[in-house]
N, C-alpha and C. Protein backbone atom coordinates (compact mmCIF):
# COMPACT_ATOMS: atom_id res chain seq x y z
N MET A 1 3.22 7.24 33.92
CA MET A 1 4.65 7.07 33.81
C MET A 1 5.03 7.06 32.34
N SER A 2 6.11 7.70 32.00
CA SER A 2 6.51 7.81 30.60
C SER A 2 7.17 6.52 30.11
N ARG A 3 7.29 6.43 28.81
CA ARG A 3 7.93 5.26 28.20
C ARG A 3 9.37 5.12 28.63
N GLY A 4 10.08 6.25 28.71
CA GLY A 4 11.49 6.23 29.11
C GLY A 4 11.67 5.70 30.52
N ALA A 5 10.78 6.11 31.42
CA ALA A 5 10.87 5.64 32.81
C ALA A 5 10.57 4.16 32.89
N LEU A 6 9.58 3.69 32.14
CA LEU A 6 9.27 2.26 32.14
C LEU A 6 10.41 1.45 31.55
N PHE A 7 11.04 1.98 30.51
CA PHE A 7 12.17 1.30 29.90
C PHE A 7 13.34 1.22 30.88
N ALA A 8 13.60 2.31 31.58
CA ALA A 8 14.70 2.32 32.55
C ALA A 8 14.45 1.31 33.67
N GLN A 9 13.21 1.17 34.11
CA GLN A 9 12.90 0.19 35.14
C GLN A 9 13.00 -1.23 34.59
N ALA A 10 12.63 -1.42 33.33
CA ALA A 10 12.65 -2.76 32.74
C ALA A 10 14.06 -3.29 32.55
N ILE A 11 15.03 -2.40 32.30
CA ILE A 11 16.39 -2.89 32.05
C ILE A 11 17.25 -2.91 33.31
N ARG A 12 16.69 -2.53 34.44
CA ARG A 12 17.46 -2.51 35.70
C ARG A 12 18.03 -3.88 36.02
N GLY A 13 17.20 -4.91 36.03
CA GLY A 13 17.64 -6.26 36.37
C GLY A 13 18.69 -6.80 35.41
N PRO A 14 18.43 -6.75 34.10
CA PRO A 14 19.43 -7.26 33.17
C PRO A 14 20.78 -6.54 33.25
N ILE A 15 20.77 -5.24 33.47
CA ILE A 15 22.04 -4.51 33.57
C ILE A 15 22.80 -4.95 34.81
N LEU A 16 22.09 -5.14 35.93
CA LEU A 16 22.76 -5.60 37.15
C LEU A 16 23.33 -7.00 36.97
N LEU A 17 22.58 -7.88 36.31
CA LEU A 17 23.09 -9.23 36.06
C LEU A 17 24.33 -9.21 35.17
N ILE A 18 24.33 -8.37 34.17
CA ILE A 18 25.49 -8.25 33.29
C ILE A 18 26.68 -7.72 34.07
N ALA A 19 26.45 -6.70 34.91
CA ALA A 19 27.55 -6.13 35.70
C ALA A 19 28.15 -7.17 36.65
N VAL A 20 27.28 -7.94 37.32
CA VAL A 20 27.78 -8.99 38.22
C VAL A 20 28.54 -10.04 37.43
N GLY A 21 28.02 -10.42 36.28
CA GLY A 21 28.69 -11.41 35.43
C GLY A 21 30.06 -10.94 34.98
N VAL A 22 30.17 -9.68 34.59
CA VAL A 22 31.46 -9.13 34.16
C VAL A 22 32.44 -9.12 35.32
N LEU A 23 31.98 -8.74 36.51
CA LEU A 23 32.87 -8.72 37.68
C LEU A 23 33.34 -10.13 38.04
N PHE A 24 32.44 -11.12 37.97
CA PHE A 24 32.85 -12.49 38.25
C PHE A 24 33.80 -13.01 37.16
N ALA A 25 33.57 -12.64 35.91
CA ALA A 25 34.49 -13.06 34.84
C ALA A 25 35.87 -12.46 35.05
N LEU A 26 35.93 -11.20 35.44
CA LEU A 26 37.23 -10.58 35.72
C LEU A 26 37.90 -11.24 36.93
N HIS A 27 37.09 -11.65 37.89
CA HIS A 27 37.63 -12.34 39.07
C HIS A 27 38.22 -13.70 38.66
N GLN A 28 37.50 -14.44 37.82
CA GLN A 28 37.98 -15.74 37.38
C GLN A 28 39.22 -15.63 36.50
N ALA A 29 39.32 -14.56 35.74
CA ALA A 29 40.48 -14.36 34.88
C ALA A 29 41.70 -13.91 35.68
N GLY A 30 41.48 -13.55 36.94
CA GLY A 30 42.59 -13.10 37.78
C GLY A 30 42.96 -11.65 37.56
N THR A 31 42.15 -10.93 36.81
CA THR A 31 42.44 -9.52 36.53
C THR A 31 42.08 -8.62 37.69
N LEU A 32 40.92 -8.89 38.28
CA LEU A 32 40.39 -8.01 39.33
C LEU A 32 39.64 -8.86 40.34
N SER A 33 39.97 -8.72 41.61
CA SER A 33 39.29 -9.48 42.65
C SER A 33 37.87 -8.94 42.83
N PHE A 34 36.91 -9.86 42.92
CA PHE A 34 35.52 -9.45 43.09
C PHE A 34 35.34 -8.66 44.38
N TRP A 35 36.02 -9.06 45.42
CA TRP A 35 35.85 -8.40 46.71
C TRP A 35 36.41 -6.99 46.73
N ARG A 36 37.25 -6.67 45.78
CA ARG A 36 37.74 -5.28 45.67
C ARG A 36 36.93 -4.47 44.67
N SER A 37 36.12 -5.15 43.86
CA SER A 37 35.40 -4.44 42.80
C SER A 37 33.91 -4.26 43.10
N TRP A 38 33.41 -4.75 44.23
CA TRP A 38 31.98 -4.65 44.52
C TRP A 38 31.47 -3.21 44.57
N PRO A 39 32.29 -2.21 44.89
CA PRO A 39 31.74 -0.83 44.83
C PRO A 39 31.27 -0.44 43.43
N LEU A 40 31.76 -1.12 42.40
CA LEU A 40 31.27 -0.83 41.05
C LEU A 40 29.79 -1.15 40.92
N LEU A 41 29.32 -2.16 41.65
CA LEU A 41 27.89 -2.48 41.63
C LEU A 41 27.07 -1.33 42.21
N ILE A 42 27.55 -0.71 43.25
CA ILE A 42 26.85 0.44 43.83
C ILE A 42 26.81 1.59 42.83
N ILE A 43 27.89 1.78 42.10
CA ILE A 43 27.92 2.83 41.08
C ILE A 43 26.93 2.53 39.97
N VAL A 44 26.88 1.27 39.52
CA VAL A 44 25.94 0.88 38.47
C VAL A 44 24.50 1.10 38.94
N ILE A 45 24.20 0.71 40.17
CA ILE A 45 22.85 0.92 40.71
C ILE A 45 22.52 2.41 40.75
N GLY A 46 23.47 3.23 41.17
CA GLY A 46 23.24 4.68 41.21
C GLY A 46 23.00 5.27 39.83
N VAL A 47 23.73 4.82 38.84
CA VAL A 47 23.55 5.32 37.47
C VAL A 47 22.17 4.92 36.94
N ILE A 48 21.75 3.69 37.24
CA ILE A 48 20.43 3.24 36.80
C ILE A 48 19.34 4.07 37.46
N LYS A 49 19.46 4.29 38.77
CA LYS A 49 18.46 5.10 39.48
C LYS A 49 18.42 6.53 38.94
N LEU A 50 19.58 7.08 38.61
CA LEU A 50 19.63 8.42 38.03
C LEU A 50 18.93 8.44 36.67
N ALA A 51 19.16 7.42 35.86
CA ALA A 51 18.49 7.35 34.55
C ALA A 51 16.98 7.25 34.72
N GLU A 52 16.53 6.47 35.71
CA GLU A 52 15.09 6.37 35.97
C GLU A 52 14.53 7.73 36.37
N ARG A 53 15.24 8.43 37.22
CA ARG A 53 14.77 9.74 37.69
C ARG A 53 14.72 10.75 36.55
N LEU A 54 15.71 10.71 35.67
CA LEU A 54 15.73 11.65 34.54
C LEU A 54 14.65 11.31 33.52
N ALA A 55 14.29 10.04 33.40
CA ALA A 55 13.29 9.63 32.43
C ALA A 55 11.87 9.87 32.92
N THR A 56 11.69 10.05 34.22
CA THR A 56 10.36 10.29 34.78
C THR A 56 9.98 11.75 34.56
N PRO A 57 8.82 12.01 33.97
CA PRO A 57 8.44 13.41 33.74
C PRO A 57 8.17 14.13 35.06
N ALA A 58 8.39 15.42 35.03
CA ALA A 58 8.12 16.25 36.21
C ALA A 58 6.62 16.30 36.45
N TYR A 59 6.23 16.49 37.70
CA TYR A 59 4.82 16.57 38.04
C TYR A 59 4.22 17.85 37.47
N VAL A 60 3.12 17.69 36.77
CA VAL A 60 2.41 18.84 36.22
C VAL A 60 1.04 18.88 36.89
N PRO A 61 0.78 19.92 37.71
CA PRO A 61 -0.52 19.97 38.39
C PRO A 61 -1.65 20.18 37.38
N PRO A 62 -2.85 19.69 37.70
CA PRO A 62 -3.98 19.87 36.79
C PRO A 62 -4.33 21.35 36.65
N GLN A 63 -4.88 21.70 35.50
CA GLN A 63 -5.24 23.08 35.25
C GLN A 63 -6.46 23.47 36.08
N ALA A 64 -6.57 24.74 36.39
CA ALA A 64 -7.70 25.24 37.17
C ALA A 64 -8.99 25.04 36.38
N GLY A 65 -10.03 24.61 37.07
CA GLY A 65 -11.32 24.42 36.42
C GLY A 65 -11.47 23.04 35.80
N TYR A 66 -10.42 22.28 35.74
CA TYR A 66 -10.49 20.94 35.15
C TYR A 66 -10.77 19.94 36.26
N GLN A 67 -11.83 19.16 36.12
CA GLN A 67 -12.16 18.15 37.11
C GLN A 67 -11.82 16.78 36.55
N GLN A 68 -11.00 16.08 37.29
CA GLN A 68 -10.57 14.78 36.84
C GLN A 68 -11.66 13.74 37.05
N TYR A 69 -12.44 13.89 38.09
CA TYR A 69 -13.47 12.92 38.43
C TYR A 69 -14.83 13.63 38.37
N PRO A 70 -15.90 12.87 38.18
CA PRO A 70 -17.22 13.53 38.20
C PRO A 70 -17.52 14.08 39.57
N PRO A 71 -18.28 15.14 39.66
CA PRO A 71 -18.59 15.73 40.96
C PRO A 71 -19.43 14.78 41.80
N PRO A 72 -19.45 14.98 43.12
CA PRO A 72 -20.26 14.11 43.99
C PRO A 72 -21.73 14.16 43.57
N GLY A 73 -22.40 13.05 43.63
CA GLY A 73 -23.80 13.00 43.24
C GLY A 73 -23.99 12.64 41.78
N GLY A 74 -22.92 12.35 41.08
CA GLY A 74 -23.00 11.95 39.68
C GLY A 74 -22.73 13.10 38.74
N PRO A 75 -22.56 12.79 37.47
CA PRO A 75 -22.27 13.87 36.50
C PRO A 75 -23.47 14.74 36.26
N ARG A 76 -23.22 15.99 35.99
CA ARG A 76 -24.31 16.94 35.69
C ARG A 76 -24.61 16.89 34.21
N LEU A 77 -25.86 16.90 33.91
CA LEU A 77 -26.28 16.84 32.50
C LEU A 77 -26.64 18.17 31.96
């Protein structure tokens, strides 16, 4: 897994907590009701998942002739 993908996964929780906190603060201020703004959480989750997907490198199949593991019976000398 690439560094970008790991970073995107690591910040998922903090970003969601910040988003929920902002929505509750707006609710307490009387600007925006939390019950009308919850779809924003779904949008935030979708954006985070998209960032994770974009940060994950595409699958690259191994090259022909390259053996990742030693052959059965142990390595050949």
